[in-house]
Amino acid sequence: MASSSSHGEQHLLRSSSSTDAPTDRPRLHSFDGIEDPIDNDHSSQNTAVEDGNLRRSAEGDGLLEKEEDRRTVENSEPKSKFAWAVFWIIVNTLATIGIVFTNKAIFSDPSLKLAQLTFAAFHFFMTWLLLYTLSRPRFAYFVPRRTTIREIIPLSVAMALNVILPNLSLAFSSVTFYQVARILLTPTVATMDYVLYKATLPSNALIALVPACLGVGMVSYYDSLPTNDSSVKTTSSLGVIFAFSGIFASSLYTVWIKSYQRKLQVSSMQLLFNQAPVSAFLLLYVIPFVDIFPTWSEVPVNRWLMILMSGGFAALINLSQFFIVGQTGPVSSTVVGHLKTCLIVALGWITSGRSVGDKSIIGVFIAIGGIISYSIVMLRYAAQKPG
């Protein structure tokens, strides 16, 4: 699922309290009834004083221990949360890069390039399996909530197209074009929000989207030009068509997710838990008529390993996104998204065989600069909004 990462959303680490005081405190015994042969009255008075001092000392020590434990917990919790957030950000970044290049390697095999629906169904199953595990009482990261199949079918179809079309784009495109073209998701979603819900953007944000669109256009043009150098990876016309079709499908899916969450009163994890198996089930009816299967016994072992790795990366992306959303703010999430885009584009460029002087690099910088400017404008706009 190179393009669907998922939209997940909440909680997370449960920090155990370390302020529990020992329950078996030393019990202070009374000396009543024990006669001192020398001076019983004086001895009992001294004993009472000693008992009081012991009690005050023990209580004071207990309070100090509790205070020290409380301070330790308060100091360690932010460090622990920060460390876990950094860990999951690294996992998410590496898994996203890994799935793009692994899927590209899988689709470079002509026998697997046209088995896209089967591949998508496999990813949907892996997503469902992960969410099922997270919903079990042992983990209890979210509580499943059932919806009817009739309610979820349109969104499940959109989810399938959201995966299949971008994967087809990746199969017929260079990695650089595939990733840069995904920048168009932002202006497309904004346009759909306006058409469907009359939602508007600040004028500065709209201005920032102009260079982003122009940059993608430049990359589309120069990356699809034919070349005599066989070592240079280019984008075919089919790759461009699948890319823009996938952007439309992904944008519609993104807009519908918000609408379905409001309508069904579910979290994104609960929604995805219902969608994934329905999407996989629907594909089973279409796979025999669309996919062209390889001779499975002739598929090399390394390709099977790549397919398993791709499924693992998909699970890690969903899992890490689940934790990132719960532990970081919008600024961190936005920065991570741009970091992944830049890394994938850079690695794609390095492996594409293109020279530094290739004109499409100008479009790459313009597109990335535009989308980063847009993100800065929107984050400032969100910070200024009341409440």
Protein backbone atom coordinates (compact mmCIF):
# COMPACT_ATOMS: atom_id res chain seq x y z
CA MET A 1 0.00 0.00 0.00
CA ALA A 2 2.45 2.52 -1.18
CA SER A 3 0.06 5.37 -1.10
CA SER A 4 -2.49 4.72 1.56
CA SER A 5 -0.56 4.87 4.82
CA SER A 6 -3.69 5.36 6.69
CA HIS A 7 -5.22 7.79 8.83
CA GLY A 8 -5.09 6.84 12.23
CA GLU A 9 -5.39 8.70 15.32
CA GLN A 10 -5.18 8.50 18.98
CA HIS A 11 -3.75 7.53 22.31
CA LEU A 12 -1.07 5.58 23.30
CA LEU A 13 1.55 4.77 25.76
CA ARG A 14 0.24 3.87 29.08
CA SER A 15 2.71 5.05 31.68
CA SER A 16 2.62 3.03 34.85
CA SER A 17 2.77 4.95 38.09
CA SER A 18 5.90 4.53 40.12
CA THR A 19 4.51 6.30 43.18
CA ASP A 20 3.14 3.17 44.82
CA ALA A 21 4.45 3.14 48.36
CA PRO A 22 5.28 -0.21 50.03
CA THR A 23 2.26 -1.65 51.77
CA ASP A 24 4.21 -3.51 54.46
CA ARG A 25 5.35 -0.57 56.49
CA PRO A 26 7.17 -1.27 59.82
CA ARG A 27 4.55 -1.41 62.53
CA LEU A 28 5.33 0.57 65.71
CA HIS A 29 4.54 -1.60 68.73
CA SER A 30 3.17 -0.29 72.04
CA PHE A 31 5.05 -1.10 75.20
CA ASP A 32 1.97 -0.97 77.47
CA GLY A 33 1.91 -3.74 80.01
CA ILE A 34 5.67 -4.14 80.06
CA GLU A 35 6.88 -2.99 83.50
CA ASP A 36 10.22 -1.36 83.93
CA PRO A 37 11.59 -2.43 87.34
CA ILE A 38 13.50 0.83 87.70
CA ASP A 39 11.01 3.64 86.85
CA ASN A 40 7.81 2.56 85.10
CA ASP A 41 6.29 6.09 84.81
CA HIS A 42 9.43 7.70 83.41
CA SER A 43 9.99 4.74 81.07
CA SER A 44 6.46 4.89 79.67
CA GLN A 45 6.81 8.64 79.06
CA ASN A 46 10.11 8.11 77.24
CA THR A 47 8.57 5.30 75.20
CA ALA A 48 5.65 7.51 74.15
CA VAL A 49 8.04 10.25 73.08
CA GLU A 50 10.18 7.76 71.16
CA ASP A 51 7.09 6.28 69.51
CA GLY A 52 5.96 9.75 68.43
CA ASN A 53 9.38 10.57 67.02
CA LEU A 54 9.50 7.27 65.19
CA ARG A 55 6.05 7.84 63.71
CA ARG A 56 6.91 11.38 62.59
CA SER A 57 10.21 10.19 61.16
CA ALA A 58 8.57 7.32 59.28
CA GLU A 59 5.80 9.57 57.96
CA GLY A 60 8.35 12.18 56.91
CA ASP A 61 10.45 9.58 55.13
CA GLY A 62 7.34 8.26 53.37
CA LEU A 63 6.32 11.74 52.22
CA LEU A 64 9.84 12.44 50.96
CA GLU A 65 9.89 9.14 49.07
CA LYS A 66 6.50 9.89 47.51
CA GLU A 67 7.58 13.38 46.51
CA GLU A 68 10.82 12.07 45.00
CA ASP A 69 8.90 9.34 43.11
CA ARG A 70 6.38 11.90 41.82
CA ARG A 71 9.15 14.19 40.58
CA THR A 72 10.93 11.25 38.96
CA VAL A 73 7.75 10.26 37.09
CA GLU A 74 7.08 13.86 36.01
CA ASN A 75 10.64 14.24 34.72
CA SER A 76 10.78 10.85 33.00
CA GLU A 77 7.37 10.95 31.27
CA PRO A 78 8.19 13.76 28.77
CA LYS A 79 11.55 12.13 27.98
CA SER A 80 9.87 8.75 27.49
CA LYS A 81 7.15 10.20 25.24
CA PHE A 82 9.71 12.12 23.19
CA ALA A 83 11.89 9.03 22.78
CA TRP A 84 8.94 6.92 21.65
CA ALA A 85 7.76 9.66 19.27
CA VAL A 86 11.22 9.82 17.68
CA PHE A 87 11.31 6.03 17.45
CA TRP A 88 7.95 5.79 15.65
CA ILE A 89 8.83 8.71 13.34
CA ILE A 90 11.98 6.86 12.29
CA VAL A 91 10.02 3.62 11.81
CA ASN A 92 7.36 5.41 9.74
CA THR A 93 9.93 7.19 7.57
CA LEU A 94 11.97 4.05 6.88
CA ALA A 95 8.85 1.94 6.26
CA THR A 96 7.44 4.52 3.81
CA ILE A 97 10.70 4.69 1.88
CA GLY A 98 10.99 0.91 2.04
CA ILE A 99 7.51 0.23 0.66
CA VAL A 100 7.94 2.62 -2.29
CA PHE A 101 11.22 1.11 -3.46
CA THR A 102 10.17 -2.46 -2.64
CA ASN A 103 6.95 -2.10 -4.62
CA LYS A 104 8.88 -0.51 -7.48
CA ALA A 105 11.20 -3.54 -7.54
CA ILE A 106 8.21 -5.91 -7.46
CA PHE A 107 6.45 -4.11 -10.31
CA SER A 108 9.63 -4.05 -12.39
CA ASP A 109 9.05 -7.78 -12.86
CA PRO A 110 6.81 -8.03 -15.98
CA SER A 111 5.09 -11.13 -14.59
CA LEU A 112 3.92 -9.23 -11.47
CA LYS A 113 3.25 -5.78 -12.96
CA LEU A 114 -0.30 -6.68 -14.02
CA ALA A 115 -1.38 -8.51 -10.85
CA GLN A 116 -2.22 -5.26 -9.10
CA LEU A 117 -5.62 -6.22 -7.67
CA THR A 118 -4.21 -9.35 -6.04
CA PHE A 119 -1.39 -7.28 -4.59
CA ALA A 120 -3.86 -4.70 -3.20
CA ALA A 121 -6.05 -7.44 -1.68
CA PHE A 122 -2.96 -8.83 0.08
CA HIS A 123 -2.23 -5.39 1.56
CA PHE A 124 -5.83 -4.97 2.71
CA PHE A 125 -5.62 -8.32 4.47
CA MET A 126 -2.38 -7.30 6.20
CA THR A 127 -3.99 -4.02 7.30
CA TRP A 128 -7.03 -5.84 8.69
CA LEU A 129 -4.82 -8.37 10.50
CA LEU A 130 -2.84 -5.57 12.15
CA LEU A 131 -5.98 -3.69 13.23
CA TYR A 132 -7.56 -6.91 14.51
CA THR A 133 -4.48 -7.54 16.65
CA LEU A 134 -4.46 -3.98 18.02
CA SER A 135 -8.15 -4.24 18.94
CA ARG A 136 -7.71 -7.39 21.04
CA PRO A 137 -8.11 -6.99 24.83
CA ARG A 138 -4.41 -7.70 25.36
CA PHE A 139 -3.53 -4.47 23.48
CA ALA A 140 -6.87 -2.59 23.42
CA TYR A 141 -5.58 0.35 21.39
CA PHE A 142 -9.08 0.91 20.03
CA VAL A 143 -12.52 -0.64 20.42
CA PRO A 144 -13.98 -2.13 17.21
CA ARG A 145 -17.32 -0.74 16.12
CA ARG A 146 -19.26 -2.54 13.42
CA THR A 147 -20.93 -0.83 10.46
CA THR A 148 -23.18 -2.37 7.82
CA ILE A 149 -21.62 -3.48 4.54
CA ARG A 150 -24.10 -1.35 2.60
CA GLU A 151 -22.90 1.77 4.44
CA ILE A 152 -19.24 1.08 3.81
CA ILE A 153 -19.21 -0.20 0.19
CA PRO A 154 -18.70 3.19 -1.57
CA LEU A 155 -15.78 4.06 0.70
CA SER A 156 -14.31 0.57 0.29
CA VAL A 157 -14.38 0.96 -3.51
CA ALA A 158 -12.65 4.33 -3.17
CA MET A 159 -10.08 2.73 -0.85
CA ALA A 160 -9.33 0.05 -3.44
CA LEU A 161 -8.87 2.64 -6.21
CA ASN A 162 -6.75 4.70 -3.80
CA VAL A 163 -4.27 1.82 -3.68
CA ILE A 164 -4.51 0.24 -7.13
CA LEU A 165 -4.19 3.37 -9.31
CA PRO A 166 -1.13 4.84 -7.50
CA ASN A 167 0.52 1.41 -7.58
CA LEU A 168 -0.09 1.24 -11.33
CA SER A 169 1.43 4.71 -11.57
CA LEU A 170 4.50 3.47 -9.71
CA ALA A 171 4.73 0.47 -12.04
CA PHE A 172 4.83 2.68 -15.16
CA SER A 173 6.66 5.73 -13.74
CA SER A 174 9.94 6.74 -12.17
CA VAL A 175 9.98 6.97 -8.38
CA THR A 176 10.71 10.71 -8.58
CA PHE A 177 7.65 11.45 -10.73
CA TYR A 178 5.44 9.14 -8.66
CA GLN A 179 6.31 10.94 -5.42
CA VAL A 180 6.26 14.50 -6.79
CA ALA A 181 2.89 13.89 -8.45
CA ARG A 182 1.44 12.99 -5.02
CA ILE A 183 1.91 16.65 -4.06
CA LEU A 184 -1.17 17.37 -6.18
CA LEU A 185 -3.27 15.60 -3.53
CA THR A 186 -3.34 18.81 -1.48
CA PRO A 187 -4.81 21.15 -4.12
CA THR A 188 -7.16 18.42 -5.36
CA VAL A 189 -8.53 17.78 -1.86
CA ALA A 190 -8.91 21.54 -1.35
CA THR A 191 -10.87 21.80 -4.61
CA MET A 192 -13.15 18.88 -3.68
CA ASP A 193 -13.74 20.35 -0.22
CA TYR A 194 -14.81 23.61 -1.84
CA VAL A 195 -17.07 21.97 -4.43
CA LEU A 196 -18.72 19.52 -2.01
CA TYR A 197 -18.72 21.43 1.27
CA LYS A 198 -17.95 25.06 0.30
CA ALA A 199 -14.82 24.95 2.47
CA THR A 200 -12.36 27.72 1.61
CA LEU A 201 -8.63 28.27 2.13
CA PRO A 202 -6.73 31.44 3.06
CA SER A 203 -5.62 33.42 0.02
CA ASN A 204 -1.92 32.95 0.96
CA ALA A 205 -2.42 29.17 0.94
CA LEU A 206 -3.99 29.29 -2.52
CA ILE A 207 -1.07 31.37 -3.79
CA ALA A 208 1.41 28.82 -2.37
CA LEU A 209 -0.35 26.00 -4.23
CA VAL A 210 0.28 27.65 -7.61
CA PRO A 211 4.05 26.90 -7.73
CA ALA A 212 3.37 23.42 -6.33
CA CYS A 213 1.12 22.65 -9.31
CA LEU A 214 3.52 24.26 -11.79
CA GLY A 215 6.43 22.24 -10.42
CA VAL A 216 4.51 18.97 -10.81
CA GLY A 217 3.66 19.98 -14.37
CA MET A 218 7.34 20.57 -15.18
CA VAL A 219 8.35 17.19 -13.73
CA SER A 220 5.55 15.47 -15.66
CA TYR A 221 6.75 16.99 -18.93
CA TYR A 222 10.50 16.46 -18.61
CA ASP A 223 10.29 13.06 -16.89
CA SER A 224 8.12 11.63 -19.67
CA LEU A 225 10.37 12.78 -22.54
CA PRO A 226 11.97 9.85 -24.40
CA THR A 227 15.71 9.38 -24.01
CA ASN A 228 18.35 7.43 -25.86
CA ASP A 229 20.11 6.47 -22.61
CA SER A 230 18.71 3.11 -21.51
CA SER A 231 20.07 3.61 -17.98
CA VAL A 232 17.79 6.63 -17.39
CA LYS A 233 14.42 5.70 -15.89
CA THR A 234 11.53 7.62 -17.44
CA THR A 235 7.77 7.84 -17.03
CA SER A 236 5.47 6.45 -19.71
CA SER A 237 2.20 8.03 -20.84
CA LEU A 238 0.35 5.29 -18.96
CA GLY A 239 2.25 6.24 -15.82
CA VAL A 240 1.09 9.87 -16.14
CA ILE A 241 -2.53 8.80 -16.74
CA PHE A 242 -2.50 6.41 -13.78
CA ALA A 243 -0.83 9.06 -11.59
CA PHE A 244 -3.49 11.72 -12.18
CA SER A 245 -6.31 9.15 -11.96
CA GLY A 246 -4.84 7.94 -8.67
CA ILE A 247 -4.62 11.49 -7.34
CA PHE A 248 -8.31 12.00 -8.05
CA ALA A 249 -9.22 8.67 -6.39
CA SER A 250 -7.00 9.34 -3.37
CA SER A 251 -8.41 12.86 -2.95
CA LEU A 252 -11.99 11.59 -3.11
CA TYR A 253 -11.11 8.90 -0.57
CA THR A 254 -9.53 11.50 1.74
CA VAL A 255 -12.59 13.76 1.58
CA TRP A 256 -14.98 10.85 2.08
CA ILE A 257 -13.09 9.61 5.14
CA LYS A 258 -13.92 12.78 7.06
CA SER A 259 -17.53 12.65 5.90
CA TYR A 260 -17.94 8.96 6.82
CA GLN A 261 -16.38 9.48 10.25
CA ARG A 262 -18.92 12.18 11.03
CA LYS A 263 -21.82 10.19 9.60
CA LEU A 264 -20.99 6.86 11.27
CA GLN A 265 -19.54 8.38 14.46
CA VAL A 266 -16.38 6.26 14.34
CA SER A 267 -12.67 6.91 14.63
CA SER A 268 -10.41 6.48 11.63
CA MET A 269 -9.07 3.19 13.05
CA GLN A 270 -12.60 1.85 13.52
CA LEU A 271 -13.47 2.95 9.99
CA LEU A 272 -10.38 1.35 8.47
CA PHE A 273 -11.06 -1.86 10.40
CA ASN A 274 -14.44 -2.09 8.63
CA GLN A 275 -13.19 -0.95 5.22
CA ALA A 276 -10.17 -3.19 4.70
CA PRO A 277 -11.89 -6.61 4.64
CA VAL A 278 -14.76 -5.29 2.49
CA SER A 279 -12.28 -3.85 -0.01
CA ALA A 280 -10.40 -7.16 -0.18
CA PHE A 281 -13.65 -9.12 -0.55
CA LEU A 282 -14.89 -6.89 -3.39
CA LEU A 283 -11.59 -7.33 -5.25
CA LEU A 284 -12.00 -11.11 -5.19
CA TYR A 285 -14.90 -10.75 -7.65
CA VAL A 286 -12.81 -8.68 -10.08
CA ILE A 287 -9.35 -10.29 -9.80
CA PRO A 288 -10.09 -13.30 -12.14
CA PHE A 289 -11.19 -10.95 -14.94
CA VAL A 290 -8.54 -8.23 -14.62
CA ASP A 291 -5.27 -9.57 -13.22
CA ILE A 292 -2.77 -11.42 -15.38
CA PHE A 293 -1.13 -13.96 -13.14
CA PRO A 294 2.45 -15.20 -13.46
CA THR A 295 3.40 -18.83 -13.24
CA TRP A 296 3.67 -18.84 -9.48
CA SER A 297 6.23 -21.66 -9.39
CA GLU A 298 8.54 -19.58 -11.59
CA VAL A 299 8.44 -16.48 -9.38
CA PRO A 300 11.92 -16.12 -7.84
CA VAL A 301 12.33 -16.53 -4.10
CA ASN A 302 13.61 -12.96 -3.75
CA ARG A 303 10.33 -11.66 -5.27
CA TRP A 304 8.32 -13.59 -2.68
CA LEU A 305 10.49 -12.08 0.04
CA MET A 306 9.86 -8.61 -1.40
CA ILE A 307 6.10 -9.23 -1.38
CA LEU A 308 6.26 -10.25 2.29
CA MET A 309 8.44 -7.22 3.05
CA SER A 310 5.92 -4.97 1.32
CA GLY A 311 3.13 -6.34 3.50
CA GLY A 312 5.30 -5.86 6.58
CA PHE A 313 6.10 -2.28 5.60
CA ALA A 314 2.39 -1.59 5.09
CA ALA A 315 1.65 -2.87 8.60
CA LEU A 316 4.50 -0.80 10.09
CA ILE A 317 3.28 2.36 8.33
CA ASN A 318 -0.22 1.94 9.76
CA LEU A 319 1.09 1.04 13.22
CA SER A 320 3.62 3.89 13.41
CA GLN A 321 1.11 6.41 12.05
CA PHE A 322 -1.25 5.31 14.82
CA PHE A 323 1.36 6.22 17.46
CA ILE A 324 2.67 9.37 15.73
CA VAL A 325 -0.78 10.96 15.57
CA GLY A 326 -1.25 10.30 19.29
CA GLN A 327 2.11 11.69 20.43
CA THR A 328 2.98 14.55 18.09
CA GLY A 329 1.24 17.72 17.00
CA PRO A 330 0.34 18.90 13.50
CA VAL A 331 3.69 20.63 13.04
CA SER A 332 5.66 17.43 13.67
CA SER A 333 3.37 15.37 11.45
CA THR A 334 3.71 17.91 8.63
CA VAL A 335 7.50 18.02 8.93
CA VAL A 336 7.68 14.22 8.87
CA GLY A 337 5.51 14.16 5.73
CA HIS A 338 7.76 16.63 3.93
CA LEU A 339 10.87 14.80 5.13
CA LYS A 340 9.60 11.56 3.60
CA THR A 341 8.76 13.30 0.33
CA CYS A 342 12.22 14.87 0.08
CA LEU A 343 14.02 11.62 0.94
CA ILE A 344 12.02 9.53 -1.54
CA VAL A 345 12.47 12.12 -4.30
CA ALA A 346 16.22 12.38 -3.59
CA LEU A 347 16.71 8.60 -3.54
CA GLY A 348 14.54 8.24 -6.63
CA TRP A 349 16.63 10.82 -8.43
CA ILE A 350 19.89 9.12 -7.43
CA THR A 351 18.65 5.75 -8.73
CA SER A 352 17.05 7.19 -11.89
CA GLY A 353 20.32 7.68 -13.74
CA ARG A 354 19.56 11.33 -14.50
CA SER A 355 22.24 14.01 -14.40
CA VAL A 356 22.24 16.93 -11.98
CA GLY A 357 21.66 19.31 -14.89
CA ASP A 358 18.40 17.63 -15.94
CA LYS A 359 15.65 20.26 -16.26
CA SER A 360 13.10 18.25 -14.28
CA ILE A 361 15.09 18.94 -11.10
CA ILE A 362 13.89 22.55 -11.33
CA GLY A 363 10.30 21.35 -11.25
CA VAL A 364 11.08 19.14 -8.24
CA PHE A 365 12.39 22.09 -6.21
CA ILE A 366 9.50 24.35 -7.24
CA ALA A 367 6.88 21.71 -6.35
CA ILE A 368 8.41 20.85 -2.96
CA GLY A 369 8.99 24.54 -2.14
CA GLY A 370 5.36 25.33 -2.96
CA ILE A 371 3.90 22.57 -0.80
CA ILE A 372 6.17 23.46 2.13
CA SER A 373 5.07 27.11 1.85
CA TYR A 374 1.45 25.96 1.81
CA SER A 375 1.99 23.90 4.97
CA ILE A 376 3.58 26.84 6.79
CA VAL A 377 0.66 29.10 5.85
CA MET A 378 -1.92 26.55 7.01
CA LEU A 379 -0.14 25.87 10.32
CA ARG A 380 -0.03 29.59 11.07
CA TYR A 381 -3.69 29.91 10.08
CA ALA A 382 -4.64 27.04 12.42
CA ALA A 383 -2.65 28.60 15.28
CA GLN A 384 -4.50 31.92 14.88
CA LYS A 385 -7.96 30.38 14.92
CA PRO A 386 -9.80 30.83 18.25
CA GLY A 387 -10.21 27.79 20.46
